[in-house]
Each structure stands twice: as structure tokens, then as C-alpha cells.
Amino acid sequence: MTNFINGDTWDEEEGKSKSQIKREMHALQELGEELVALSPAARAKLPLDEELVAALLLADKLSKKHEALRRHIQFIGRLMRDRDLKELEQGLALLRNTNQAATRQFHKIELLRDKMLEDNDVVTAFIADHPTVDTQQLRQLIRNAKKEQEKQLPPKAYRELFQLIKPLILKS
């Protein structure tokens, strides 16, 4: 029996139970939700055809209309039924790994910053490893960050310290 309303033939697939077909449709819908959640810059890195790009742009416009967005995500899932999703899933996996690597790198920088506030030897080793750093500015930010923590002030110097060491760590 063919579903003539929207041209889908998913109910004709032989050898699959109704539950299996439903699980696959939900998986596609979750993939659609993941695509909708991505920024336009991240989506540009993925191999999407024009129809999917247009559907995702419309989803961005529907972000404040929850029920409409839910139905539209179902539509995006339906669009993906007829496509080969290997390349798209590989692209998403690459994006996820890139984001995880960036998060790990930021945690590494945060940990270094915290160690610098606790141990002067870490500061000395950092200066030796990165001779291009402005030593005076580094030490001043460390002093100011310590004062901020003692007086429970907003962490302005603490953040500036992170911004100072971040490019040096990312280069190495």
C-alpha cells in the first residue's frame, strides 16, 4: 500500500517491522534536531543539498514557535529518508570531535591559569617556554587576579590572564 498523500513509500519496506521503521524515523528526526541546533557556519561545513539547507533556514526562523518547529523537524526527518546520509554523518562526527578538541584545549588553558595563580614556578616555566609573552603584563595580571579572588571581586584580570595565555598555548 503506497501512501499517496505525500509520496512516501516507507510503509512498503519489506522485512522491517513497524517498530523498526519508527525507530529509524525517530533517529532521522534526532539527526534533524542536531542539524537545526548547529550554527549556520557549522552547517556550511556539512554536505547538505539545497532542499535541506532551505529547510534548515526555515527552522531557524521558527525557533520561537515551538510547535511549528517540532513539526518542521519532523519534516526535515522526512526529507532525509531518501538521502544517503553517510557523508553527512561523517561531517557531523568531525564537527563533534573538533568541538571536543577545542573544549579540551580550553580546559588545559584554564588549568594552566589556575596553576599560575597558585605556584610561581609554573609562571617561570611558562615564561621560559614562551619567551614572546609580555612578562610584566603576565605577572601584573596574576597579581590582580589573586587580589580579585581574595576580595571576591568580579574576575576581570582572571579572564584577561586567560586571553593572554590562550594564543600562546594554541600555537604550541
N, C-alpha and C. Protein backbone atom coordinates (compact mmCIF):
# COMPACT_ATOMS: atom_id res chain seq x y z
N MET A 1 0.84 -1.18 0.00
CA MET A 1 0.00 0.00 0.00
C MET A 1 0.89 1.24 0.00
N THR A 2 0.72 2.11 -0.94
CA THR A 2 1.53 3.32 -1.04
C THR A 2 0.78 4.47 -0.40
N ASN A 3 1.52 5.29 0.31
CA ASN A 3 0.94 6.46 0.93
C ASN A 3 0.94 7.56 -0.14
N PHE A 4 -0.22 7.82 -0.73
CA PHE A 4 -0.30 8.76 -1.84
C PHE A 4 -0.38 10.20 -1.38
N ILE A 5 -0.59 10.43 -0.12
CA ILE A 5 -0.75 11.79 0.37
C ILE A 5 0.54 12.58 0.19
N ASN A 6 1.65 12.03 0.60
CA ASN A 6 2.90 12.78 0.47
C ASN A 6 3.97 12.03 -0.32
N GLY A 7 3.61 10.95 -0.97
CA GLY A 7 4.54 10.25 -1.85
C GLY A 7 5.52 9.35 -1.13
N ASP A 8 5.40 9.20 0.20
CA ASP A 8 6.30 8.32 0.93
C ASP A 8 6.01 6.87 0.62
N THR A 9 7.06 6.08 0.60
CA THR A 9 6.89 4.64 0.41
C THR A 9 7.49 3.88 1.57
N TRP A 10 7.67 4.55 2.72
CA TRP A 10 8.31 3.91 3.85
C TRP A 10 7.52 2.72 4.36
N ASP A 11 6.19 2.73 4.15
CA ASP A 11 5.38 1.63 4.66
C ASP A 11 5.43 0.41 3.76
N GLU A 12 6.14 0.51 2.64
CA GLU A 12 6.27 -0.62 1.73
C GLU A 12 7.56 -1.41 1.95
N GLU A 13 8.43 -0.91 2.82
CA GLU A 13 9.70 -1.58 3.03
C GLU A 13 9.47 -2.98 3.58
N GLU A 14 10.00 -3.95 2.86
CA GLU A 14 9.80 -5.33 3.26
C GLU A 14 10.87 -5.76 4.25
N GLY A 15 10.49 -6.65 5.14
CA GLY A 15 11.45 -7.20 6.08
C GLY A 15 11.67 -6.34 7.30
N LYS A 16 11.05 -5.19 7.39
CA LYS A 16 11.20 -4.32 8.55
C LYS A 16 9.87 -4.27 9.30
N SER A 17 9.99 -4.36 10.60
CA SER A 17 8.78 -4.26 11.41
C SER A 17 8.39 -2.79 11.51
N LYS A 18 7.17 -2.57 11.91
CA LYS A 18 6.69 -1.21 12.07
C LYS A 18 7.51 -0.48 13.14
N SER A 19 7.90 -1.22 14.18
CA SER A 19 8.71 -0.63 15.25
C SER A 19 10.08 -0.22 14.74
N GLN A 20 10.68 -1.05 13.88
CA GLN A 20 11.99 -0.73 13.32
C GLN A 20 11.90 0.52 12.45
N ILE A 21 10.87 0.61 11.65
CA ILE A 21 10.69 1.78 10.78
C ILE A 21 10.51 3.03 11.65
N LYS A 22 9.75 2.89 12.74
CA LYS A 22 9.54 4.02 13.63
C LYS A 22 10.84 4.46 14.30
N ARG A 23 11.66 3.49 14.72
CA ARG A 23 12.95 3.82 15.33
C ARG A 23 13.83 4.58 14.34
N GLU A 24 13.83 4.13 13.08
CA GLU A 24 14.63 4.81 12.06
C GLU A 24 14.13 6.23 11.83
N MET A 25 12.82 6.41 11.82
CA MET A 25 12.27 7.75 11.63
C MET A 25 12.63 8.66 12.80
N HIS A 26 12.59 8.13 14.02
CA HIS A 26 12.97 8.92 15.19
C HIS A 26 14.46 9.28 15.14
N ALA A 27 15.28 8.35 14.68
CA ALA A 27 16.72 8.63 14.55
C ALA A 27 16.95 9.75 13.55
N LEU A 28 16.22 9.74 12.44
CA LEU A 28 16.35 10.80 11.45
C LEU A 28 15.87 12.13 12.02
N GLN A 29 14.82 12.07 12.81
CA GLN A 29 14.31 13.29 13.42
C GLN A 29 15.34 13.86 14.41
N GLU A 30 16.00 12.99 15.17
CA GLU A 30 17.04 13.44 16.10
C GLU A 30 18.22 14.04 15.34
N LEU A 31 18.54 13.45 14.20
CA LEU A 31 19.60 14.00 13.35
C LEU A 31 19.19 15.39 12.86
N GLY A 32 17.91 15.52 12.50
CA GLY A 32 17.39 16.83 12.09
C GLY A 32 17.49 17.84 13.20
N GLU A 33 17.17 17.44 14.44
CA GLU A 33 17.28 18.34 15.58
C GLU A 33 18.73 18.78 15.78
N GLU A 34 19.64 17.86 15.59
CA GLU A 34 21.06 18.20 15.74
C GLU A 34 21.48 19.21 14.67
N LEU A 35 20.99 19.02 13.45
CA LEU A 35 21.32 19.97 12.38
C LEU A 35 20.73 21.34 12.65
N VAL A 36 19.51 21.38 13.17
CA VAL A 36 18.86 22.65 13.47
C VAL A 36 19.64 23.38 14.57
N ALA A 37 20.19 22.64 15.52
CA ALA A 37 20.91 23.25 16.64
C ALA A 37 22.26 23.83 16.23
N LEU A 38 22.80 23.41 15.09
CA LEU A 38 24.10 23.90 14.65
C LEU A 38 24.01 25.35 14.18
N SER A 39 25.12 26.03 14.28
CA SER A 39 25.19 27.40 13.76
C SER A 39 25.26 27.35 12.24
N PRO A 40 24.87 28.42 11.57
CA PRO A 40 24.97 28.44 10.11
C PRO A 40 26.40 28.19 9.61
N ALA A 41 27.39 28.66 10.35
CA ALA A 41 28.79 28.45 9.95
C ALA A 41 29.15 26.96 10.01
N ALA A 42 28.67 26.28 11.05
CA ALA A 42 28.95 24.85 11.18
C ALA A 42 28.22 24.06 10.09
N ARG A 43 26.99 24.47 9.80
CA ARG A 43 26.23 23.78 8.73
C ARG A 43 26.90 23.93 7.38
N ALA A 44 27.56 25.06 7.16
CA ALA A 44 28.21 25.30 5.87
C ALA A 44 29.32 24.29 5.62
N LYS A 45 29.85 23.71 6.68
CA LYS A 45 30.92 22.72 6.54
C LYS A 45 30.38 21.34 6.20
N LEU A 46 29.07 21.17 6.24
CA LEU A 46 28.47 19.85 6.01
C LEU A 46 27.97 19.73 4.57
N PRO A 47 27.98 18.51 4.04
CA PRO A 47 27.48 18.30 2.67
C PRO A 47 25.95 18.23 2.64
N LEU A 48 25.31 19.39 2.57
CA LEU A 48 23.85 19.46 2.54
C LEU A 48 23.38 19.91 1.17
N ASP A 49 22.29 19.30 0.68
CA ASP A 49 21.75 19.74 -0.60
C ASP A 49 20.87 20.98 -0.38
N GLU A 50 20.46 21.60 -1.48
CA GLU A 50 19.73 22.87 -1.40
C GLU A 50 18.42 22.74 -0.63
N GLU A 51 17.72 21.65 -0.80
CA GLU A 51 16.44 21.46 -0.15
C GLU A 51 16.61 21.40 1.38
N LEU A 52 17.63 20.69 1.84
CA LEU A 52 17.88 20.61 3.28
C LEU A 52 18.35 21.95 3.83
N VAL A 53 19.17 22.66 3.08
CA VAL A 53 19.64 23.98 3.53
C VAL A 53 18.45 24.92 3.69
N ALA A 54 17.53 24.90 2.71
CA ALA A 54 16.34 25.76 2.79
C ALA A 54 15.48 25.38 3.99
N ALA A 55 15.33 24.08 4.23
CA ALA A 55 14.53 23.62 5.37
C ALA A 55 15.18 24.04 6.69
N LEU A 56 16.49 23.99 6.77
CA LEU A 56 17.18 24.39 7.99
C LEU A 56 17.10 25.90 8.22
N LEU A 57 17.15 26.67 7.14
CA LEU A 57 16.99 28.12 7.26
C LEU A 57 15.60 28.47 7.79
N LEU A 58 14.60 27.75 7.30
CA LEU A 58 13.24 27.98 7.78
C LEU A 58 13.13 27.59 9.25
N ALA A 59 13.80 26.52 9.64
CA ALA A 59 13.78 26.10 11.04
C ALA A 59 14.37 27.18 11.94
N ASP A 60 15.40 27.89 11.46
CA ASP A 60 15.97 28.99 12.24
C ASP A 60 14.93 30.07 12.49
N LYS A 61 14.08 30.33 11.51
CA LYS A 61 13.05 31.35 11.65
C LYS A 61 11.94 30.90 12.60
N LEU A 62 11.77 29.60 12.75
CA LEU A 62 10.69 29.06 13.58
C LEU A 62 11.14 28.81 15.02
N SER A 63 12.33 29.24 15.39
CA SER A 63 12.90 28.88 16.70
C SER A 63 12.02 29.32 17.87
N LYS A 64 11.26 30.37 17.73
CA LYS A 64 10.42 30.86 18.83
C LYS A 64 9.03 30.23 18.82
N LYS A 65 8.71 29.51 17.78
CA LYS A 65 7.38 28.88 17.66
C LYS A 65 7.57 27.38 17.84
N HIS A 66 7.45 26.92 19.07
CA HIS A 66 7.84 25.56 19.44
C HIS A 66 7.08 24.48 18.69
N GLU A 67 5.78 24.59 18.59
CA GLU A 67 5.01 23.54 17.92
C GLU A 67 5.31 23.52 16.42
N ALA A 68 5.43 24.69 15.83
CA ALA A 68 5.77 24.75 14.41
C ALA A 68 7.17 24.17 14.17
N LEU A 69 8.08 24.47 15.06
CA LEU A 69 9.44 23.95 14.94
C LEU A 69 9.44 22.43 15.08
N ARG A 70 8.66 21.90 16.02
CA ARG A 70 8.59 20.45 16.20
C ARG A 70 8.09 19.77 14.92
N ARG A 71 7.04 20.33 14.32
CA ARG A 71 6.52 19.75 13.07
C ARG A 71 7.53 19.90 11.94
N HIS A 72 8.24 21.02 11.92
CA HIS A 72 9.21 21.24 10.86
C HIS A 72 10.40 20.27 11.00
N ILE A 73 10.78 19.96 12.22
CA ILE A 73 11.85 18.99 12.42
C ILE A 73 11.41 17.62 11.94
N GLN A 74 10.13 17.30 12.13
CA GLN A 74 9.61 16.04 11.58
C GLN A 74 9.72 16.06 10.04
N PHE A 75 9.44 17.22 9.47
CA PHE A 75 9.56 17.36 8.01
C PHE A 75 11.00 17.17 7.57
N ILE A 76 11.94 17.74 8.31
CA ILE A 76 13.36 17.58 7.98
C ILE A 76 13.74 16.10 8.05
N GLY A 77 13.23 15.40 9.06
CA GLY A 77 13.47 13.97 9.16
C GLY A 77 12.93 13.23 7.95
N ARG A 78 11.76 13.64 7.49
CA ARG A 78 11.16 13.03 6.30
C ARG A 78 12.01 13.31 5.05
N LEU A 79 12.57 14.52 4.97
CA LEU A 79 13.42 14.85 3.82
C LEU A 79 14.66 13.95 3.78
N MET A 80 15.15 13.59 4.94
CA MET A 80 16.39 12.82 5.00
C MET A 80 16.18 11.33 4.74
N ARG A 81 14.94 10.88 4.70
CA ARG A 81 14.69 9.46 4.44
C ARG A 81 15.23 8.98 3.10
N ASP A 82 15.16 9.84 2.11
CA ASP A 82 15.53 9.46 0.75
C ASP A 82 16.98 9.77 0.42
N ARG A 83 17.74 10.19 1.38
CA ARG A 83 19.12 10.60 1.11
C ARG A 83 20.12 9.61 1.70
N ASP A 84 21.29 9.59 1.06
CA ASP A 84 22.40 8.82 1.61
C ASP A 84 23.06 9.71 2.66
N LEU A 85 23.03 9.29 3.89
CA LEU A 85 23.46 10.15 5.00
C LEU A 85 24.87 9.85 5.50
N LYS A 86 25.60 8.97 4.79
CA LYS A 86 26.95 8.62 5.25
C LYS A 86 27.84 9.85 5.35
N GLU A 87 27.88 10.64 4.28
CA GLU A 87 28.76 11.82 4.26
C GLU A 87 28.34 12.83 5.32
N LEU A 88 27.02 13.01 5.47
CA LEU A 88 26.52 13.95 6.46
C LEU A 88 26.89 13.51 7.87
N GLU A 89 26.72 12.23 8.17
CA GLU A 89 27.07 11.72 9.50
C GLU A 89 28.58 11.81 9.75
N GLN A 90 29.38 11.59 8.72
CA GLN A 90 30.83 11.74 8.86
C GLN A 90 31.19 13.19 9.16
N GLY A 91 30.54 14.11 8.44
CA GLY A 91 30.78 15.53 8.68
C GLY A 91 30.39 15.95 10.08
N LEU A 92 29.25 15.44 10.56
CA LEU A 92 28.82 15.75 11.92
C LEU A 92 29.79 15.18 12.95
N ALA A 93 30.26 13.97 12.71
CA ALA A 93 31.23 13.36 13.64
C ALA A 93 32.50 14.20 13.70
N LEU A 94 32.94 14.71 12.55
CA LEU A 94 34.13 15.55 12.52
C LEU A 94 33.89 16.84 13.30
N LEU A 95 32.70 17.45 13.12
CA LEU A 95 32.38 18.66 13.87
C LEU A 95 32.36 18.38 15.38
N ARG A 96 31.77 17.27 15.78
CA ARG A 96 31.71 16.92 17.21
C ARG A 96 33.13 16.77 17.77
N ASN A 97 33.99 16.08 17.03
CA ASN A 97 35.36 15.87 17.51
C ASN A 97 36.12 17.18 17.59
N THR A 98 35.89 18.07 16.61
CA THR A 98 36.54 19.38 16.63
C THR A 98 36.10 20.16 17.85
N ASN A 99 34.81 20.13 18.15
CA ASN A 99 34.31 20.84 19.32
C ASN A 99 34.87 20.25 20.61
N GLN A 100 34.97 18.93 20.67
CA GLN A 100 35.53 18.29 21.86
C GLN A 100 37.00 18.63 22.02
N ALA A 101 37.73 18.68 20.92
CA ALA A 101 39.15 19.03 20.98
C ALA A 101 39.32 20.47 21.47
N ALA A 102 38.48 21.37 20.97
CA ALA A 102 38.55 22.76 21.41
C ALA A 102 38.22 22.87 22.89
N THR A 103 37.25 22.12 23.35
CA THR A 103 36.89 22.13 24.77
C THR A 103 38.04 21.62 25.63
N ARG A 104 38.67 20.53 25.18
CA ARG A 104 39.83 20.01 25.92
C ARG A 104 40.95 21.04 25.98
N GLN A 105 41.18 21.73 24.88
CA GLN A 105 42.23 22.76 24.82
C GLN A 105 41.91 23.89 25.79
N PHE A 106 40.65 24.31 25.85
CA PHE A 106 40.26 25.39 26.76
C PHE A 106 40.43 24.94 28.21
N HIS A 107 40.09 23.70 28.52
CA HIS A 107 40.27 23.19 29.88
C HIS A 107 41.75 23.18 30.26
N LYS A 108 42.59 22.85 29.29
CA LYS A 108 44.02 22.83 29.52
C LYS A 108 44.52 24.25 29.86
N ILE A 109 44.01 25.24 29.13
CA ILE A 109 44.41 26.63 29.37
C ILE A 109 43.90 27.09 30.74
N GLU A 110 42.66 26.73 31.08
CA GLU A 110 42.11 27.11 32.37
C GLU A 110 42.92 26.50 33.52
N LEU A 111 43.31 25.25 33.35
CA LEU A 111 44.10 24.57 34.38
C LEU A 111 45.46 25.25 34.55
N LEU A 112 46.08 25.61 33.43
CA LEU A 112 47.37 26.31 33.49
C LEU A 112 47.22 27.65 34.21
N ARG A 113 46.15 28.37 33.88
CA ARG A 113 45.92 29.67 34.52
C ARG A 113 45.77 29.49 36.04
N ASP A 114 45.01 28.48 36.45
CA ASP A 114 44.82 28.25 37.88
C ASP A 114 46.13 27.86 38.57
N LYS A 115 46.93 27.06 37.88
CA LYS A 115 48.23 26.67 38.46
C LYS A 115 49.15 27.88 38.58
N MET A 116 49.06 28.81 37.61
CA MET A 116 49.89 30.01 37.66
C MET A 116 49.56 30.86 38.88
N LEU A 117 48.29 30.87 39.26
CA LEU A 117 47.89 31.66 40.43
C LEU A 117 48.37 31.03 41.73
N GLU A 118 48.60 29.73 41.71
CA GLU A 118 49.00 29.02 42.93
C GLU A 118 50.51 28.87 43.08
N ASP A 119 51.23 28.76 41.94
CA ASP A 119 52.65 28.39 42.01
C ASP A 119 53.48 29.28 41.09
N ASN A 120 54.42 29.99 41.66
CA ASN A 120 55.28 30.89 40.89
C ASN A 120 56.22 30.12 39.95
N ASP A 121 56.55 28.86 40.30
CA ASP A 121 57.42 28.04 39.45
C ASP A 121 56.74 27.75 38.10
N VAL A 122 55.43 27.62 38.12
CA VAL A 122 54.68 27.39 36.88
C VAL A 122 54.77 28.62 35.99
N VAL A 123 54.72 29.80 36.59
CA VAL A 123 54.85 31.05 35.83
C VAL A 123 56.23 31.13 35.21
N THR A 124 57.25 30.80 35.98
CA THR A 124 58.62 30.85 35.49
C THR A 124 58.81 29.86 34.33
N ALA A 125 58.25 28.67 34.46
CA ALA A 125 58.36 27.67 33.40
C ALA A 125 57.61 28.13 32.15
N PHE A 126 56.45 28.77 32.35
CA PHE A 126 55.67 29.26 31.21
C PHE A 126 56.45 30.34 30.46
N ILE A 127 57.07 31.24 31.20
CA ILE A 127 57.86 32.30 30.57
C ILE A 127 59.04 31.71 29.80
N ALA A 128 59.66 30.67 30.36
CA ALA A 128 60.78 30.02 29.68
C ALA A 128 60.32 29.32 28.40
N ASP A 129 59.13 28.72 28.45
CA ASP A 129 58.60 28.02 27.27
C ASP A 129 58.07 28.98 26.20
N HIS A 130 57.65 30.16 26.64
CA HIS A 130 57.05 31.13 25.71
C HIS A 130 57.74 32.48 25.89
N PRO A 131 58.92 32.64 25.29
CA PRO A 131 59.69 33.88 25.51
C PRO A 131 59.04 35.13 24.90
N THR A 132 58.05 34.96 24.04
CA THR A 132 57.41 36.13 23.42
C THR A 132 56.36 36.77 24.31
N VAL A 133 56.03 36.12 25.43
CA VAL A 133 55.00 36.66 26.31
C VAL A 133 55.49 37.94 26.99
N ASP A 134 54.59 38.87 27.16
CA ASP A 134 54.91 40.10 27.88
C ASP A 134 54.95 39.75 29.37
N THR A 135 56.14 39.56 29.89
CA THR A 135 56.33 39.08 31.26
C THR A 135 55.72 40.02 32.28
N GLN A 136 55.93 41.31 32.08
CA GLN A 136 55.41 42.29 33.03
C GLN A 136 53.87 42.23 33.07
N GLN A 137 53.24 42.18 31.91
CA GLN A 137 51.78 42.11 31.86
C GLN A 137 51.28 40.80 32.49
N LEU A 138 51.98 39.71 32.21
CA LEU A 138 51.60 38.41 32.77
C LEU A 138 51.62 38.45 34.30
N ARG A 139 52.71 38.91 34.85
CA ARG A 139 52.84 38.95 36.32
C ARG A 139 51.82 39.92 36.95
N GLN A 140 51.57 41.03 36.27
CA GLN A 140 50.60 42.01 36.79
C GLN A 140 49.18 41.39 36.78
N LEU A 141 48.83 40.69 35.72
CA LEU A 141 47.51 40.05 35.66
C LEU A 141 47.37 38.97 36.74
N ILE A 142 48.45 38.25 37.00
CA ILE A 142 48.43 37.23 38.05
C ILE A 142 48.20 37.89 39.41
N ARG A 143 48.93 38.99 39.69
CA ARG A 143 48.74 39.70 40.96
C ARG A 143 47.31 40.21 41.09
N ASN A 144 46.79 40.82 40.02
CA ASN A 144 45.44 41.37 40.06
C ASN A 144 44.38 40.27 40.21
N ALA A 145 44.60 39.14 39.56
CA ALA A 145 43.66 38.03 39.67
C ALA A 145 43.63 37.49 41.09
N LYS A 146 44.80 37.42 41.74
CA LYS A 146 44.86 36.96 43.13
C LYS A 146 44.11 37.92 44.04
N LYS A 147 44.29 39.24 43.81
CA LYS A 147 43.58 40.25 44.61
C LYS A 147 42.07 40.13 44.42
N GLU A 148 41.67 39.92 43.17
CA GLU A 148 40.23 39.76 42.88
C GLU A 148 39.64 38.57 43.64
N GLN A 149 40.38 37.49 43.66
CA GLN A 149 39.89 36.30 44.36
C GLN A 149 39.82 36.54 45.87
N GLU A 150 40.82 37.21 46.42
CA GLU A 150 40.83 37.49 47.86
C GLU A 150 39.68 38.39 48.26
N LYS A 151 39.42 39.42 47.45
CA LYS A 151 38.37 40.39 47.78
C LYS A 151 37.02 40.01 47.19
N GLN A 152 36.96 38.87 46.53
CA GLN A 152 35.73 38.37 45.89
C GLN A 152 35.14 39.40 44.93
N LEU A 153 36.01 39.94 44.11
CA LEU A 153 35.60 40.90 43.07
C LEU A 153 35.31 40.16 41.77
N PRO A 154 34.67 40.81 40.81
CA PRO A 154 34.46 40.16 39.50
C PRO A 154 35.81 39.80 38.88
N PRO A 155 35.89 38.66 38.20
CA PRO A 155 37.19 38.14 37.73
C PRO A 155 37.69 38.76 36.42
N LYS A 156 37.86 40.07 36.40
CA LYS A 156 38.30 40.74 35.17
C LYS A 156 39.74 40.34 34.80
N ALA A 157 40.66 40.47 35.72
CA ALA A 157 42.07 40.13 35.45
C ALA A 157 42.21 38.62 35.21
N TYR A 158 41.41 37.84 35.90
CA TYR A 158 41.40 36.37 35.73
C TYR A 158 41.08 36.03 34.27
N ARG A 159 40.08 36.69 33.72
CA ARG A 159 39.71 36.47 32.31
C ARG A 159 40.78 37.00 31.36
N GLU A 160 41.34 38.17 31.70
CA GLU A 160 42.39 38.74 30.85
C GLU A 160 43.62 37.84 30.82
N LEU A 161 43.92 37.21 31.94
CA LEU A 161 45.03 36.28 32.00
C LEU A 161 44.79 35.11 31.04
N PHE A 162 43.57 34.61 31.04
CA PHE A 162 43.21 33.53 30.12
C PHE A 162 43.44 33.98 28.68
N GLN A 163 42.97 35.18 28.35
CA GLN A 163 43.11 35.70 26.99
C GLN A 163 44.57 35.94 26.61
N LEU A 164 45.40 36.24 27.58
CA LEU A 164 46.82 36.46 27.31
C LEU A 164 47.53 35.14 26.99
N ILE A 165 47.23 34.09 27.75
CA ILE A 165 47.96 32.84 27.55
C ILE A 165 47.34 31.96 26.45
N LYS A 166 46.07 32.17 26.13
CA LYS A 166 45.39 31.33 25.15
C LYS A 166 46.11 31.27 23.80
N PRO A 167 46.44 32.39 23.15
CA PRO A 167 47.09 32.29 21.85
C PRO A 167 48.47 31.62 21.90
N LEU A 168 49.15 31.77 23.01
CA LEU A 168 50.47 31.17 23.16
C LEU A 168 50.36 29.64 23.28
N ILE A 169 49.36 29.18 23.99
CA ILE A 169 49.15 27.74 24.16
C ILE A 169 48.65 27.13 22.86
N LEU A 170 47.75 27.83 22.17
CA LEU A 170 47.20 27.29 20.92
C LEU A 170 48.25 27.17 19.82
N LYS A 171 49.26 28.04 19.86
CA LYS A 171 50.34 27.95 18.86
C LYS A 171 51.19 26.71 19.07
N SER A 172 51.41 26.36 20.34
CA SER A 172 52.33 25.25 20.63
C SER A 172 51.63 23.91 20.59
